[in-house]
Amino acid sequence: SDAQTDCSCIAGYTGADGGECVGCAAGTYKANTGSAACAVCEATTFSTALAATSADTCALCPANSNATSGSNAATDCVCVARWYGARGGPCALCDSGSWCS
């Protein structure tokens, strides 16, 4: 085609057809060509990849931890109630009779 408006953003990039394409931010991805917005990684996952083209770039948080959707770093993973540990690291069960947050 000879019209710029016929141009579309490739996977991993978003923008209006015929306009500027911008890479998907960390914590997001876009699998298809077109003007659709980048999708966010699901809760309990994170991705540091820029211009990601697949949900496979969204890595699971360590066991017994969660992160909000669209998280872009392992340190976004936080241990759930009754478990403790460094952000993004392994979580250990609190001792019996104690409370951890």
N, C-alpha and C. Protein backbone atom coordinates (compact mmCIF):
# COMPACT_ATOMS: atom_id res chain seq x y z
N SER A 1 0.84 -1.18 0.00
CA SER A 1 0.00 0.00 0.00
C SER A 1 0.89 1.25 0.00
N ASP A 2 0.35 2.34 -0.46
CA ASP A 2 1.12 3.58 -0.49
C ASP A 2 0.61 4.62 0.50
N ALA A 3 -0.35 4.25 1.34
CA ALA A 3 -0.89 5.18 2.33
C ALA A 3 -0.35 4.85 3.72
N GLN A 4 0.15 5.86 4.41
CA GLN A 4 0.69 5.64 5.76
C GLN A 4 -0.39 5.12 6.70
N THR A 5 -1.64 5.49 6.48
CA THR A 5 -2.73 5.05 7.35
C THR A 5 -2.95 3.55 7.27
N ASP A 6 -2.37 2.90 6.26
CA ASP A 6 -2.49 1.45 6.13
C ASP A 6 -1.45 0.72 6.99
N CYS A 7 -0.52 1.46 7.58
CA CYS A 7 0.52 0.86 8.42
C CYS A 7 -0.05 0.54 9.80
N SER A 8 0.35 -0.61 10.34
CA SER A 8 -0.10 -1.04 11.66
C SER A 8 1.10 -1.37 12.53
N CYS A 9 0.93 -1.24 13.82
CA CYS A 9 1.99 -1.60 14.77
C CYS A 9 2.13 -3.12 14.83
N ILE A 10 3.37 -3.56 14.90
CA ILE A 10 3.63 -4.99 15.01
C ILE A 10 3.40 -5.45 16.45
N ALA A 11 3.43 -6.76 16.65
CA ALA A 11 3.30 -7.33 18.00
C ALA A 11 4.35 -6.71 18.91
N GLY A 12 3.95 -6.43 20.16
CA GLY A 12 4.85 -5.83 21.12
C GLY A 12 4.80 -4.31 21.12
N TYR A 13 4.09 -3.72 20.16
CA TYR A 13 3.97 -2.27 20.03
C TYR A 13 2.51 -1.89 19.85
N THR A 14 2.14 -0.70 20.31
CA THR A 14 0.78 -0.22 20.20
C THR A 14 0.76 1.21 19.70
N GLY A 15 -0.33 1.58 19.06
CA GLY A 15 -0.51 2.92 18.53
C GLY A 15 -1.58 2.90 17.46
N ALA A 16 -2.06 4.07 17.11
CA ALA A 16 -3.09 4.18 16.08
C ALA A 16 -2.53 3.77 14.73
N ASP A 17 -3.34 3.13 13.90
CA ASP A 17 -2.92 2.79 12.54
C ASP A 17 -2.46 4.06 11.83
N GLY A 18 -1.28 3.99 11.22
CA GLY A 18 -0.73 5.13 10.52
C GLY A 18 0.03 6.08 11.42
N GLY A 19 -0.02 5.86 12.74
CA GLY A 19 0.64 6.74 13.70
C GLY A 19 1.90 6.12 14.26
N GLU A 20 2.41 6.76 15.30
CA GLU A 20 3.62 6.28 15.96
C GLU A 20 3.32 5.03 16.78
N CYS A 21 4.22 4.08 16.71
CA CYS A 21 4.09 2.86 17.51
C CYS A 21 5.03 2.94 18.71
N VAL A 22 4.51 2.56 19.88
CA VAL A 22 5.26 2.62 21.12
C VAL A 22 5.32 1.21 21.71
N GLY A 23 6.50 0.81 22.16
CA GLY A 23 6.67 -0.52 22.73
C GLY A 23 5.85 -0.70 23.99
N CYS A 24 5.32 -1.89 24.17
CA CYS A 24 4.58 -2.21 25.39
C CYS A 24 5.52 -2.08 26.60
N ALA A 25 5.03 -1.48 27.66
CA ALA A 25 5.80 -1.29 28.88
C ALA A 25 6.00 -2.63 29.59
N ALA A 26 6.98 -2.69 30.47
CA ALA A 26 7.16 -3.88 31.31
C ALA A 26 5.87 -4.15 32.07
N GLY A 27 5.50 -5.40 32.19
CA GLY A 27 4.24 -5.77 32.84
C GLY A 27 3.09 -5.89 31.87
N THR A 28 3.36 -5.63 30.57
CA THR A 28 2.33 -5.73 29.53
C THR A 28 2.91 -6.43 28.31
N TYR A 29 2.03 -6.83 27.39
CA TYR A 29 2.44 -7.49 26.15
C TYR A 29 1.35 -7.31 25.10
N LYS A 30 1.69 -7.52 23.85
CA LYS A 30 0.70 -7.50 22.75
C LYS A 30 1.13 -8.52 21.72
N ALA A 31 0.29 -9.52 21.50
CA ALA A 31 0.65 -10.65 20.66
C ALA A 31 0.39 -10.43 19.17
N ASN A 32 -0.47 -9.49 18.81
CA ASN A 32 -0.88 -9.36 17.42
C ASN A 32 -0.54 -8.00 16.82
N THR A 33 -0.52 -7.95 15.50
CA THR A 33 -0.37 -6.69 14.77
C THR A 33 -1.67 -5.90 14.88
N GLY A 34 -1.58 -4.56 14.92
CA GLY A 34 -2.78 -3.73 14.95
C GLY A 34 -2.67 -2.63 15.98
N SER A 35 -3.78 -1.95 16.17
CA SER A 35 -3.80 -0.78 17.06
C SER A 35 -4.27 -1.10 18.48
N ALA A 36 -4.53 -2.35 18.78
CA ALA A 36 -5.02 -2.72 20.12
C ALA A 36 -4.02 -2.31 21.19
N ALA A 37 -4.55 -2.06 22.38
CA ALA A 37 -3.70 -1.72 23.53
C ALA A 37 -2.93 -2.95 23.98
N CYS A 38 -1.85 -2.72 24.69
CA CYS A 38 -1.08 -3.81 25.28
C CYS A 38 -1.90 -4.41 26.43
N ALA A 39 -1.89 -5.73 26.56
CA ALA A 39 -2.58 -6.41 27.65
C ALA A 39 -1.67 -6.46 28.87
N VAL A 40 -2.26 -6.46 30.06
CA VAL A 40 -1.46 -6.51 31.28
C VAL A 40 -1.25 -7.95 31.73
N CYS A 41 -0.10 -8.21 32.33
CA CYS A 41 0.15 -9.52 32.93
C CYS A 41 -0.87 -9.73 34.05
N GLU A 42 -1.32 -10.95 34.20
CA GLU A 42 -2.32 -11.27 35.22
C GLU A 42 -1.76 -11.13 36.63
N ALA A 43 -2.67 -10.98 37.59
CA ALA A 43 -2.27 -10.97 39.00
C ALA A 43 -1.49 -12.24 39.30
N THR A 44 -0.59 -12.20 40.21
CA THR A 44 0.34 -13.26 40.64
C THR A 44 1.47 -13.47 39.63
N THR A 45 1.59 -12.58 38.62
CA THR A 45 2.69 -12.66 37.68
C THR A 45 3.35 -11.29 37.54
N PHE A 46 4.53 -11.27 36.89
CA PHE A 46 5.22 -10.01 36.61
C PHE A 46 6.06 -10.20 35.35
N SER A 47 6.43 -9.12 34.70
CA SER A 47 7.31 -9.18 33.55
C SER A 47 8.18 -7.94 33.49
N THR A 48 9.47 -8.14 33.30
CA THR A 48 10.40 -7.03 33.15
C THR A 48 10.66 -6.72 31.67
N ALA A 49 10.11 -7.55 30.77
CA ALA A 49 10.38 -7.41 29.34
C ALA A 49 9.71 -6.16 28.76
N LEU A 50 10.43 -5.49 27.88
CA LEU A 50 9.88 -4.36 27.13
C LEU A 50 9.48 -4.84 25.75
N ALA A 51 8.39 -4.30 25.21
CA ALA A 51 7.88 -4.67 23.88
C ALA A 51 7.62 -6.18 23.80
N ALA A 52 7.09 -6.76 24.87
CA ALA A 52 6.82 -8.19 24.93
C ALA A 52 5.70 -8.57 23.96
N THR A 53 5.82 -9.76 23.39
CA THR A 53 4.85 -10.22 22.39
C THR A 53 4.01 -11.40 22.85
N SER A 54 4.16 -11.84 24.09
CA SER A 54 3.44 -13.02 24.56
C SER A 54 3.22 -12.97 26.06
N ALA A 55 2.10 -13.54 26.49
CA ALA A 55 1.83 -13.68 27.92
C ALA A 55 2.86 -14.59 28.58
N ASP A 56 3.58 -15.36 27.78
CA ASP A 56 4.62 -16.24 28.33
C ASP A 56 5.74 -15.45 29.00
N THR A 57 5.86 -14.15 28.70
CA THR A 57 6.88 -13.33 29.36
C THR A 57 6.48 -12.99 30.80
N CYS A 58 5.22 -13.21 31.14
CA CYS A 58 4.72 -12.94 32.50
C CYS A 58 5.08 -14.14 33.38
N ALA A 59 6.04 -13.95 34.26
CA ALA A 59 6.53 -15.02 35.12
C ALA A 59 5.70 -15.10 36.40
N LEU A 60 5.53 -16.31 36.90
CA LEU A 60 4.79 -16.50 38.16
C LEU A 60 5.60 -15.98 39.33
N CYS A 61 4.90 -15.37 40.27
CA CYS A 61 5.53 -14.99 41.54
C CYS A 61 5.91 -16.27 42.28
N PRO A 62 6.85 -16.18 43.22
CA PRO A 62 7.18 -17.36 44.02
C PRO A 62 5.94 -17.89 44.75
N ALA A 63 5.98 -19.16 45.13
CA ALA A 63 4.86 -19.78 45.84
C ALA A 63 4.48 -18.96 47.07
N ASN A 64 3.19 -18.87 47.33
CA ASN A 64 2.62 -18.19 48.50
C ASN A 64 2.87 -16.68 48.48
N SER A 65 2.97 -16.11 47.27
CA SER A 65 3.07 -14.66 47.14
C SER A 65 2.18 -14.21 45.99
N ASN A 66 1.83 -12.93 46.01
CA ASN A 66 0.95 -12.35 44.99
C ASN A 66 1.52 -11.02 44.52
N ALA A 67 1.10 -10.63 43.32
CA ALA A 67 1.39 -9.30 42.78
C ALA A 67 0.13 -8.83 42.08
N THR A 68 -0.04 -7.53 41.95
CA THR A 68 -1.19 -7.00 41.24
C THR A 68 -0.99 -7.18 39.74
N SER A 69 -2.06 -7.16 38.97
CA SER A 69 -1.94 -7.28 37.52
C SER A 69 -1.11 -6.12 36.98
N GLY A 70 -0.33 -6.40 35.95
CA GLY A 70 0.53 -5.39 35.35
C GLY A 70 1.84 -5.17 36.09
N SER A 71 2.18 -6.04 37.01
CA SER A 71 3.42 -5.87 37.77
C SER A 71 4.63 -6.01 36.86
N ASN A 72 5.66 -5.17 37.12
CA ASN A 72 6.81 -5.13 36.22
C ASN A 72 8.14 -5.48 36.89
N ALA A 73 8.10 -6.07 38.07
CA ALA A 73 9.33 -6.47 38.75
C ALA A 73 9.03 -7.60 39.73
N ALA A 74 10.02 -8.47 39.94
CA ALA A 74 9.86 -9.57 40.90
C ALA A 74 9.55 -9.03 42.29
N THR A 75 10.08 -7.86 42.60
CA THR A 75 9.85 -7.28 43.93
C THR A 75 8.42 -6.82 44.13
N ASP A 76 7.59 -6.87 43.09
CA ASP A 76 6.16 -6.60 43.24
C ASP A 76 5.45 -7.79 43.89
N CYS A 77 6.09 -8.94 43.92
CA CYS A 77 5.52 -10.14 44.53
C CYS A 77 5.72 -10.06 46.05
N VAL A 78 4.63 -10.14 46.78
CA VAL A 78 4.65 -9.98 48.24
C VAL A 78 4.02 -11.23 48.87
N CYS A 79 4.63 -11.72 49.93
CA CYS A 79 4.11 -12.91 50.61
C CYS A 79 2.69 -12.66 51.11
N VAL A 80 1.86 -13.70 51.03
CA VAL A 80 0.47 -13.61 51.49
C VAL A 80 0.43 -13.76 53.01
N ALA A 81 -0.73 -13.52 53.59
CA ALA A 81 -0.91 -13.63 55.04
C ALA A 81 -0.44 -14.99 55.54
N ARG A 82 0.18 -14.98 56.71
CA ARG A 82 0.71 -16.15 57.40
C ARG A 82 2.01 -16.66 56.79
N TRP A 83 2.55 -15.92 55.82
CA TRP A 83 3.83 -16.26 55.19
C TRP A 83 4.71 -15.02 55.25
N TYR A 84 6.03 -15.20 55.28
CA TYR A 84 6.93 -14.05 55.32
C TYR A 84 8.14 -14.29 54.42
N GLY A 85 8.79 -13.22 54.04
CA GLY A 85 9.99 -13.30 53.21
C GLY A 85 10.20 -11.99 52.49
N ALA A 86 11.36 -11.84 51.88
CA ALA A 86 11.69 -10.64 51.13
C ALA A 86 10.79 -10.52 49.90
N ARG A 87 10.49 -9.28 49.52
CA ARG A 87 9.70 -9.06 48.31
C ARG A 87 10.39 -9.71 47.13
N GLY A 88 9.65 -10.53 46.40
CA GLY A 88 10.19 -11.21 45.23
C GLY A 88 10.96 -12.48 45.54
N GLY A 89 11.16 -12.76 46.82
CA GLY A 89 11.92 -13.94 47.22
C GLY A 89 11.01 -15.06 47.68
N PRO A 90 11.59 -16.15 48.13
CA PRO A 90 10.76 -17.25 48.64
C PRO A 90 10.05 -16.84 49.93
N CYS A 91 8.89 -17.41 50.14
CA CYS A 91 8.08 -17.14 51.34
C CYS A 91 8.09 -18.37 52.24
N ALA A 92 8.20 -18.14 53.53
CA ALA A 92 8.20 -19.22 54.52
C ALA A 92 6.99 -19.06 55.42
N LEU A 93 6.47 -20.18 55.87
CA LEU A 93 5.31 -20.18 56.77
C LEU A 93 5.70 -19.63 58.13
N CYS A 94 4.86 -18.79 58.68
CA CYS A 94 5.10 -18.25 60.04
C CYS A 94 5.08 -19.38 61.05
N ASP A 95 5.82 -19.22 62.11
CA ASP A 95 5.84 -20.23 63.16
C ASP A 95 4.46 -20.38 63.78
N SER A 96 4.13 -21.57 64.24
CA SER A 96 2.86 -21.84 64.88
C SER A 96 2.70 -20.93 66.09
N GLY A 97 1.54 -20.34 66.23
CA GLY A 97 1.25 -19.48 67.36
C GLY A 97 1.73 -18.04 67.16
N SER A 98 2.26 -17.73 65.99
CA SER A 98 2.70 -16.35 65.73
C SER A 98 1.96 -15.80 64.51
N TRP A 99 2.03 -14.48 64.36
CA TRP A 99 1.36 -13.83 63.24
C TRP A 99 2.40 -13.07 62.43
N CYS A 100 2.39 -13.26 61.15
CA CYS A 100 3.29 -12.53 60.24
C CYS A 100 2.41 -11.76 59.27
N SER A 101 2.92 -10.63 58.82
CA SER A 101 2.19 -9.89 57.79
C SER A 101 3.14 -9.47 56.70
